Amino acid sequence: MSSYRLDRTAFKAQTAEEASKSHAAYYKTLTWQERLRIANYLNSVAYNYPENEPPRLDKTIFKARARK
């Protein structure tokens, strides 16, 4: 289970542009490793797999062939 939790009590009415600027400013303060961890978590939620166990790529559907 992840350590990230959504705080449903925090809300601020703002335009999409204001929200975009504030989120961008926050994420710019994080290191690239922290941003990568967050992206990994969001992908696991979006594609419904355990956070540190991404699904394996099915390599049987790809074919390699020589170009002429």
N, C-alpha and C. Protein backbone atom coordinates (compact mmCIF):
# COMPACT_ATOMS: atom_id res chain seq x y z
N MET A 1 0.84 -1.18 0.00
CA MET A 1 0.00 0.00 0.00
C MET A 1 0.88 1.24 0.00
N SER A 2 0.42 2.26 -0.58
CA SER A 2 1.21 3.48 -0.74
C SER A 2 1.09 4.39 0.48
N SER A 3 2.09 5.25 0.63
CA SER A 3 2.07 6.23 1.71
C SER A 3 1.34 7.49 1.28
N TYR A 4 0.95 7.60 0.02
CA TYR A 4 0.24 8.78 -0.46
C TYR A 4 -1.23 8.69 -0.09
N ARG A 5 -1.76 9.77 0.43
CA ARG A 5 -3.17 9.83 0.78
C ARG A 5 -3.76 11.14 0.26
N LEU A 6 -4.97 11.07 -0.20
CA LEU A 6 -5.67 12.25 -0.69
C LEU A 6 -6.34 12.94 0.48
N ASP A 7 -6.01 14.20 0.70
CA ASP A 7 -6.62 14.98 1.78
C ASP A 7 -7.91 15.59 1.25
N ARG A 8 -9.02 14.99 1.58
CA ARG A 8 -10.31 15.44 1.07
C ARG A 8 -10.83 16.68 1.78
N THR A 9 -10.18 17.10 2.85
CA THR A 9 -10.62 18.30 3.57
C THR A 9 -10.00 19.56 3.00
N ALA A 10 -8.94 19.42 2.24
CA ALA A 10 -8.25 20.58 1.67
C ALA A 10 -8.86 20.91 0.31
N PHE A 11 -9.36 22.13 0.19
CA PHE A 11 -9.95 22.55 -1.08
C PHE A 11 -9.79 24.05 -1.21
N LYS A 12 -9.45 24.49 -2.39
CA LYS A 12 -9.32 25.91 -2.66
C LYS A 12 -9.92 26.17 -4.03
N ALA A 13 -10.92 27.04 -4.09
CA ALA A 13 -11.55 27.37 -5.36
C ALA A 13 -10.57 28.22 -6.17
N GLN A 14 -10.26 27.75 -7.38
CA GLN A 14 -9.34 28.47 -8.25
C GLN A 14 -9.60 28.08 -9.69
N THR A 15 -9.10 28.89 -10.60
CA THR A 15 -9.26 28.59 -12.02
C THR A 15 -8.27 27.50 -12.40
N ALA A 16 -8.46 26.93 -13.58
CA ALA A 16 -7.56 25.89 -14.06
C ALA A 16 -6.14 26.44 -14.23
N GLU A 17 -6.03 27.67 -14.68
CA GLU A 17 -4.71 28.28 -14.86
C GLU A 17 -4.00 28.48 -13.52
N GLU A 18 -4.74 28.95 -12.51
CA GLU A 18 -4.15 29.12 -11.18
C GLU A 18 -3.72 27.78 -10.59
N ALA A 19 -4.55 26.77 -10.76
CA ALA A 19 -4.22 25.44 -10.24
C ALA A 19 -2.99 24.89 -10.94
N SER A 20 -2.91 25.09 -12.25
CA SER A 20 -1.77 24.60 -13.02
C SER A 20 -0.47 25.24 -12.53
N LYS A 21 -0.50 26.54 -12.30
CA LYS A 21 0.70 27.24 -11.84
C LYS A 21 1.12 26.78 -10.45
N SER A 22 0.15 26.60 -9.54
CA SER A 22 0.51 26.19 -8.18
C SER A 22 1.04 24.76 -8.16
N HIS A 23 0.45 23.86 -8.96
CA HIS A 23 0.94 22.49 -9.01
C HIS A 23 2.32 22.43 -9.64
N ALA A 24 2.54 23.18 -10.69
CA ALA A 24 3.85 23.20 -11.34
C ALA A 24 4.91 23.72 -10.38
N ALA A 25 4.57 24.75 -9.62
CA ALA A 25 5.54 25.30 -8.66
C ALA A 25 5.89 24.27 -7.59
N TYR A 26 4.89 23.52 -7.14
CA TYR A 26 5.15 22.50 -6.12
C TYR A 26 6.05 21.39 -6.67
N TYR A 27 5.72 20.87 -7.83
CA TYR A 27 6.49 19.75 -8.38
C TYR A 27 7.90 20.15 -8.78
N LYS A 28 8.12 21.42 -9.09
CA LYS A 28 9.47 21.88 -9.40
C LYS A 28 10.37 21.88 -8.17
N THR A 29 9.78 21.91 -6.97
CA THR A 29 10.57 21.88 -5.74
C THR A 29 11.03 20.47 -5.40
N LEU A 30 10.43 19.46 -6.02
CA LEU A 30 10.79 18.07 -5.73
C LEU A 30 11.99 17.64 -6.56
N THR A 31 12.71 16.64 -6.07
CA THR A 31 13.82 16.09 -6.85
C THR A 31 13.25 15.22 -7.96
N TRP A 32 14.08 14.89 -8.94
CA TRP A 32 13.58 14.06 -10.03
C TRP A 32 13.23 12.67 -9.52
N GLN A 33 13.90 12.18 -8.46
CA GLN A 33 13.59 10.87 -7.89
C GLN A 33 12.20 10.88 -7.24
N GLU A 34 11.87 11.96 -6.55
CA GLU A 34 10.55 12.06 -5.92
C GLU A 34 9.45 12.15 -6.98
N ARG A 35 9.71 12.91 -8.04
CA ARG A 35 8.72 13.01 -9.12
C ARG A 35 8.54 11.66 -9.82
N LEU A 36 9.62 10.91 -9.96
CA LEU A 36 9.54 9.59 -10.58
C LEU A 36 8.74 8.62 -9.70
N ARG A 37 8.92 8.70 -8.37
CA ARG A 37 8.14 7.87 -7.45
C ARG A 37 6.66 8.19 -7.55
N ILE A 38 6.34 9.48 -7.65
CA ILE A 38 4.94 9.89 -7.77
C ILE A 38 4.36 9.40 -9.09
N ALA A 39 5.12 9.50 -10.18
CA ALA A 39 4.65 9.02 -11.48
C ALA A 39 4.41 7.52 -11.45
N ASN A 40 5.30 6.79 -10.79
CA ASN A 40 5.14 5.34 -10.65
C ASN A 40 3.85 5.02 -9.90
N TYR A 41 3.59 5.75 -8.82
CA TYR A 41 2.37 5.54 -8.04
C TYR A 41 1.13 5.84 -8.89
N LEU A 42 1.13 6.96 -9.62
CA LEU A 42 -0.03 7.33 -10.43
C LEU A 42 -0.28 6.31 -11.54
N ASN A 43 0.78 5.79 -12.15
CA ASN A 43 0.62 4.74 -13.16
C ASN A 43 0.01 3.48 -12.55
N SER A 44 0.47 3.11 -11.34
CA SER A 44 -0.06 1.90 -10.71
C SER A 44 -1.55 2.05 -10.40
N VAL A 45 -1.97 3.26 -10.01
CA VAL A 45 -3.38 3.50 -9.75
C VAL A 45 -4.18 3.49 -11.06
N ALA A 46 -3.66 4.16 -12.08
CA ALA A 46 -4.37 4.27 -13.35
C ALA A 46 -4.53 2.92 -14.04
N TYR A 47 -3.49 2.07 -13.97
CA TYR A 47 -3.53 0.79 -14.68
C TYR A 47 -3.78 -0.39 -13.75
N ASN A 48 -4.09 -0.10 -12.48
CA ASN A 48 -4.53 -1.11 -11.52
C ASN A 48 -3.54 -2.27 -11.36
N TYR A 49 -2.31 -1.95 -10.98
CA TYR A 49 -1.35 -2.99 -10.63
C TYR A 49 -0.65 -2.58 -9.34
N PRO A 50 -0.07 -3.55 -8.61
CA PRO A 50 0.63 -3.20 -7.37
C PRO A 50 1.75 -2.21 -7.64
N GLU A 51 1.96 -1.29 -6.72
CA GLU A 51 2.85 -0.15 -6.94
C GLU A 51 4.26 -0.53 -7.40
N ASN A 52 4.87 -1.50 -6.79
CA ASN A 52 6.24 -1.85 -7.15
C ASN A 52 6.34 -3.14 -7.95
N GLU A 53 5.24 -3.54 -8.58
CA GLU A 53 5.22 -4.74 -9.41
C GLU A 53 4.51 -4.46 -10.74
N PRO A 54 5.13 -3.67 -11.63
CA PRO A 54 4.46 -3.38 -12.90
C PRO A 54 4.32 -4.64 -13.74
N PRO A 55 3.30 -4.70 -14.59
CA PRO A 55 3.12 -5.89 -15.44
C PRO A 55 4.26 -6.03 -16.44
N ARG A 56 4.56 -7.27 -16.78
CA ARG A 56 5.63 -7.53 -17.74
C ARG A 56 5.11 -7.30 -19.16
N LEU A 57 5.99 -6.86 -20.03
CA LEU A 57 5.65 -6.63 -21.42
C LEU A 57 5.56 -7.96 -22.15
N ASP A 58 4.47 -8.18 -22.88
CA ASP A 58 4.31 -9.40 -23.66
C ASP A 58 5.12 -9.26 -24.94
N LYS A 59 6.30 -9.86 -24.96
CA LYS A 59 7.21 -9.73 -26.10
C LYS A 59 6.88 -10.68 -27.24
N THR A 60 5.89 -11.54 -27.05
CA THR A 60 5.55 -12.49 -28.10
C THR A 60 4.77 -11.84 -29.24
N ILE A 61 4.23 -10.66 -29.03
CA ILE A 61 3.42 -10.04 -30.09
C ILE A 61 4.25 -9.16 -31.02
N PHE A 62 5.54 -8.97 -30.69
CA PHE A 62 6.41 -8.16 -31.54
C PHE A 62 7.24 -9.05 -32.45
N LYS A 63 7.53 -8.53 -33.64
CA LYS A 63 8.35 -9.28 -34.60
C LYS A 63 9.48 -8.39 -35.07
N ALA A 64 10.64 -8.97 -35.21
CA ALA A 64 11.79 -8.23 -35.76
C ALA A 64 12.01 -8.70 -37.20
N ARG A 65 12.22 -7.78 -38.10
CA ARG A 65 12.47 -8.15 -39.49
C ARG A 65 13.48 -7.18 -40.06
N ALA A 66 14.21 -7.64 -41.05
CA ALA A 66 15.25 -6.84 -41.69
C ALA A 66 14.60 -5.87 -42.67
N ARG A 67 15.17 -4.68 -42.75
CA ARG A 67 14.71 -3.70 -43.73
C ARG A 67 15.45 -3.90 -45.04
N LYS A 68 14.80 -3.62 -46.11
CA LYS A 68 15.44 -3.77 -47.43
C LYS A 68 15.97 -2.47 -47.90
